[in-house]
């Protein structure tokens, strides 16, 4: 989808912005799945020090191979 748009575009600024969009979206999804539970548990522990209760957790399971898929996707977009 984004790779096809990058391949068709002849404007270098548009191509660079599409590559940047792809990088941000791919790394954002990877970062969310890998670190969201870590940050929510850290905030919960910090709030518990002040007597607050932090009920919000998602208990997200990390999809198998998400890092491999993400870096393969980034490699493809950069190559195109």
N, C-alpha and C. Protein backbone atom coordinates (compact mmCIF):
# COMPACT_ATOMS: atom_id res chain seq x y z
N UNK A 1 0.83 -1.17 0.00
CA UNK A 1 0.00 0.00 0.00
C UNK A 1 0.88 1.25 0.00
N UNK A 2 1.62 1.46 1.06
CA UNK A 2 2.51 2.62 1.09
C UNK A 2 3.67 2.39 0.13
N UNK A 3 4.17 1.15 0.07
CA UNK A 3 5.29 0.85 -0.82
C UNK A 3 4.90 1.08 -2.28
N UNK A 4 3.67 0.75 -2.63
CA UNK A 4 3.20 0.96 -4.00
C UNK A 4 3.12 2.45 -4.30
N UNK A 5 2.68 3.25 -3.34
CA UNK A 5 2.61 4.70 -3.53
C UNK A 5 4.00 5.30 -3.65
N UNK A 6 4.95 4.76 -2.88
CA UNK A 6 6.33 5.25 -2.96
C UNK A 6 6.91 4.93 -4.32
N UNK A 7 6.66 3.73 -4.81
CA UNK A 7 7.20 3.30 -6.09
C UNK A 7 6.66 4.15 -7.24
N UNK A 8 5.39 4.54 -7.17
CA UNK A 8 4.76 5.32 -8.25
C UNK A 8 5.15 6.79 -8.23
N UNK A 9 5.49 7.32 -7.07
CA UNK A 9 5.74 8.74 -6.94
C UNK A 9 7.09 9.12 -7.55
N UNK A 10 7.10 10.28 -8.22
CA UNK A 10 8.36 10.78 -8.78
C UNK A 10 8.89 11.97 -7.99
N UNK A 11 8.07 12.56 -7.15
CA UNK A 11 8.49 13.70 -6.34
C UNK A 11 9.32 13.19 -5.16
N UNK A 12 10.60 13.62 -5.04
CA UNK A 12 11.44 13.11 -3.96
C UNK A 12 10.94 13.48 -2.56
N UNK A 13 10.31 14.64 -2.41
CA UNK A 13 9.79 15.03 -1.09
C UNK A 13 8.63 14.13 -0.68
N UNK A 14 7.77 13.81 -1.63
CA UNK A 14 6.65 12.91 -1.34
C UNK A 14 7.15 11.51 -1.00
N UNK A 15 8.14 11.04 -1.74
CA UNK A 15 8.70 9.72 -1.46
C UNK A 15 9.31 9.66 -0.07
N UNK A 16 10.04 10.69 0.30
CA UNK A 16 10.66 10.73 1.62
C UNK A 16 9.61 10.79 2.73
N UNK A 17 8.56 11.56 2.49
CA UNK A 17 7.50 11.64 3.51
C UNK A 17 6.76 10.31 3.64
N UNK A 18 6.56 9.60 2.55
CA UNK A 18 5.92 8.28 2.61
C UNK A 18 6.80 7.25 3.31
N UNK A 19 8.11 7.31 3.08
CA UNK A 19 9.03 6.41 3.77
C UNK A 19 9.01 6.72 5.26
N UNK A 20 9.02 8.01 5.61
CA UNK A 20 8.97 8.39 7.03
C UNK A 20 7.66 7.93 7.67
N UNK A 21 6.55 8.07 6.97
CA UNK A 21 5.26 7.60 7.48
C UNK A 21 5.28 6.09 7.71
N UNK A 22 5.86 5.36 6.79
CA UNK A 22 5.96 3.92 6.94
C UNK A 22 6.83 3.54 8.14
N UNK A 23 7.96 4.21 8.30
CA UNK A 23 8.83 3.92 9.43
C UNK A 23 8.15 4.21 10.76
N UNK A 24 7.49 5.35 10.85
CA UNK A 24 6.82 5.72 12.09
C UNK A 24 5.69 4.76 12.42
N UNK A 25 4.90 4.40 11.42
CA UNK A 25 3.78 3.50 11.68
C UNK A 25 4.26 2.10 12.06
N UNK A 26 5.25 1.57 11.35
CA UNK A 26 5.76 0.23 11.67
C UNK A 26 6.41 0.19 13.05
N UNK A 27 7.26 1.16 13.35
CA UNK A 27 7.92 1.16 14.65
C UNK A 27 6.94 1.51 15.76
N UNK A 28 5.91 2.29 15.46
CA UNK A 28 4.89 2.60 16.45
C UNK A 28 4.11 1.37 16.86
N UNK A 29 3.72 0.54 15.90
CA UNK A 29 3.00 -0.70 16.21
C UNK A 29 3.90 -1.64 17.02
N UNK A 30 5.16 -1.77 16.61
CA UNK A 30 6.09 -2.62 17.34
C UNK A 30 6.28 -2.11 18.77
N UNK A 31 6.48 -0.81 18.92
CA UNK A 31 6.67 -0.23 20.24
C UNK A 31 5.45 -0.40 21.12
N UNK A 32 4.27 -0.24 20.55
CA UNK A 32 3.04 -0.41 21.32
C UNK A 32 2.93 -1.82 21.87
N UNK A 33 3.10 -2.81 21.02
CA UNK A 33 2.95 -4.18 21.46
C UNK A 33 4.04 -4.61 22.44
N UNK A 34 5.26 -4.09 22.26
CA UNK A 34 6.35 -4.52 23.14
C UNK A 34 6.38 -3.79 24.47
N UNK A 35 5.99 -2.50 24.49
CA UNK A 35 6.24 -1.70 25.68
C UNK A 35 5.02 -1.13 26.37
N UNK A 36 3.82 -1.30 25.84
CA UNK A 36 2.64 -0.72 26.45
C UNK A 36 2.40 -1.27 27.86
N UNK A 37 2.45 -2.58 28.02
CA UNK A 37 2.23 -3.18 29.34
C UNK A 37 3.31 -2.76 30.33
N UNK A 38 4.55 -2.63 29.86
CA UNK A 38 5.62 -2.19 30.74
C UNK A 38 5.34 -0.79 31.28
N UNK A 39 4.95 0.14 30.40
CA UNK A 39 4.69 1.51 30.85
C UNK A 39 3.45 1.60 31.74
N UNK A 40 2.40 0.84 31.43
CA UNK A 40 1.22 0.91 32.28
C UNK A 40 1.49 0.31 33.66
N UNK A 41 2.27 -0.75 33.72
CA UNK A 41 2.59 -1.31 35.04
C UNK A 41 3.51 -0.38 35.82
N UNK A 42 4.40 0.32 35.13
CA UNK A 42 5.27 1.29 35.81
C UNK A 42 4.46 2.45 36.36
N UNK A 43 3.52 2.94 35.59
CA UNK A 43 2.65 4.03 36.05
C UNK A 43 1.79 3.57 37.21
N UNK A 44 1.30 2.34 37.15
CA UNK A 44 0.48 1.80 38.23
C UNK A 44 1.27 1.72 39.53
N UNK A 45 2.53 1.25 39.43
CA UNK A 45 3.36 1.19 40.64
C UNK A 45 3.67 2.58 41.17
N UNK A 46 3.92 3.53 40.30
CA UNK A 46 4.19 4.90 40.72
C UNK A 46 2.97 5.52 41.39
N UNK A 47 1.80 5.30 40.82
CA UNK A 47 0.58 5.84 41.42
C UNK A 47 0.25 5.17 42.74
N UNK A 48 0.61 3.89 42.88
CA UNK A 48 0.33 3.20 44.14
C UNK A 48 1.16 3.78 45.29
N UNK A 49 2.30 4.37 44.97
CA UNK A 49 3.10 5.02 46.01
C UNK A 49 2.38 6.22 46.60
N UNK A 50 1.53 6.86 45.81
CA UNK A 50 0.78 8.03 46.26
C UNK A 50 -0.64 7.67 46.70
N UNK A 51 -0.95 6.38 46.76
CA UNK A 51 -2.25 5.95 47.23
C UNK A 51 -3.32 5.90 46.16
N UNK A 52 -2.96 6.15 44.93
CA UNK A 52 -3.93 6.09 43.83
C UNK A 52 -4.03 4.66 43.31
N UNK A 53 -5.20 4.32 42.80
CA UNK A 53 -5.40 3.01 42.19
C UNK A 53 -5.48 3.21 40.69
N UNK A 54 -4.68 2.46 39.96
CA UNK A 54 -4.64 2.58 38.50
C UNK A 54 -5.25 1.32 37.90
N UNK A 55 -6.54 1.34 37.55
CA UNK A 55 -7.21 0.12 37.10
C UNK A 55 -7.00 -0.22 35.62
N UNK A 56 -6.33 0.65 34.87
CA UNK A 56 -6.26 0.48 33.42
C UNK A 56 -5.08 -0.39 33.01
N UNK A 57 -5.31 -1.62 32.61
CA UNK A 57 -4.31 -2.48 31.99
C UNK A 57 -4.99 -3.26 30.88
N UNK A 58 -4.25 -3.54 29.85
CA UNK A 58 -4.81 -4.29 28.72
C UNK A 58 -4.35 -5.74 28.67
N UNK A 59 -3.24 -6.07 29.32
CA UNK A 59 -2.70 -7.43 29.29
C UNK A 59 -2.58 -7.92 27.84
N UNK A 60 -1.86 -7.15 27.04
CA UNK A 60 -1.70 -7.46 25.62
C UNK A 60 -0.68 -8.58 25.44
N UNK A 61 -1.03 -9.58 24.65
CA UNK A 61 -0.10 -10.63 24.29
C UNK A 61 0.70 -10.17 23.07
N UNK A 62 1.98 -10.39 23.11
CA UNK A 62 2.85 -10.01 22.00
C UNK A 62 2.65 -11.00 20.85
N UNK A 63 2.25 -10.50 19.68
CA UNK A 63 2.10 -11.41 18.54
C UNK A 63 3.44 -12.06 18.17
N UNK A 64 3.40 -13.32 17.82
CA UNK A 64 4.61 -14.06 17.46
C UNK A 64 5.18 -13.49 16.17
N UNK A 65 6.46 -13.16 16.18
CA UNK A 65 7.15 -12.70 14.99
C UNK A 65 6.91 -11.25 14.63
N UNK A 66 6.39 -10.43 15.55
CA UNK A 66 6.08 -9.05 15.19
C UNK A 66 7.34 -8.25 14.86
N UNK A 67 8.44 -8.52 15.55
CA UNK A 67 9.68 -7.80 15.25
C UNK A 67 10.20 -8.20 13.87
N UNK A 68 10.16 -9.48 13.56
CA UNK A 68 10.59 -9.94 12.25
C UNK A 68 9.75 -9.32 11.14
N UNK A 69 8.44 -9.35 11.31
CA UNK A 69 7.54 -8.76 10.31
C UNK A 69 7.80 -7.27 10.15
N UNK A 70 7.98 -6.57 11.26
CA UNK A 70 8.20 -5.13 11.22
C UNK A 70 9.48 -4.80 10.47
N UNK A 71 10.57 -5.48 10.80
CA UNK A 71 11.84 -5.17 10.14
C UNK A 71 11.87 -5.63 8.69
N UNK A 72 11.15 -6.68 8.36
CA UNK A 72 11.03 -7.07 6.96
C UNK A 72 10.26 -6.01 6.17
N UNK A 73 9.21 -5.48 6.78
CA UNK A 73 8.41 -4.43 6.14
C UNK A 73 9.24 -3.17 5.93
N UNK A 74 10.00 -2.79 6.94
CA UNK A 74 10.86 -1.60 6.81
C UNK A 74 11.92 -1.83 5.73
N UNK A 75 12.50 -3.01 5.70
CA UNK A 75 13.51 -3.34 4.68
C UNK A 75 12.91 -3.25 3.28
N UNK A 76 11.71 -3.76 3.12
CA UNK A 76 11.04 -3.71 1.81
C UNK A 76 10.79 -2.27 1.37
N UNK A 77 10.27 -1.46 2.28
CA UNK A 77 9.95 -0.07 1.93
C UNK A 77 11.21 0.70 1.58
N UNK A 78 12.28 0.49 2.33
CA UNK A 78 13.53 1.19 2.05
C UNK A 78 14.11 0.73 0.71
N UNK A 79 14.01 -0.57 0.41
CA UNK A 79 14.51 -1.07 -0.87
C UNK A 79 13.71 -0.54 -2.05
N UNK A 80 12.42 -0.40 -1.90
CA UNK A 80 11.57 0.09 -2.98
C UNK A 80 11.86 1.55 -3.20
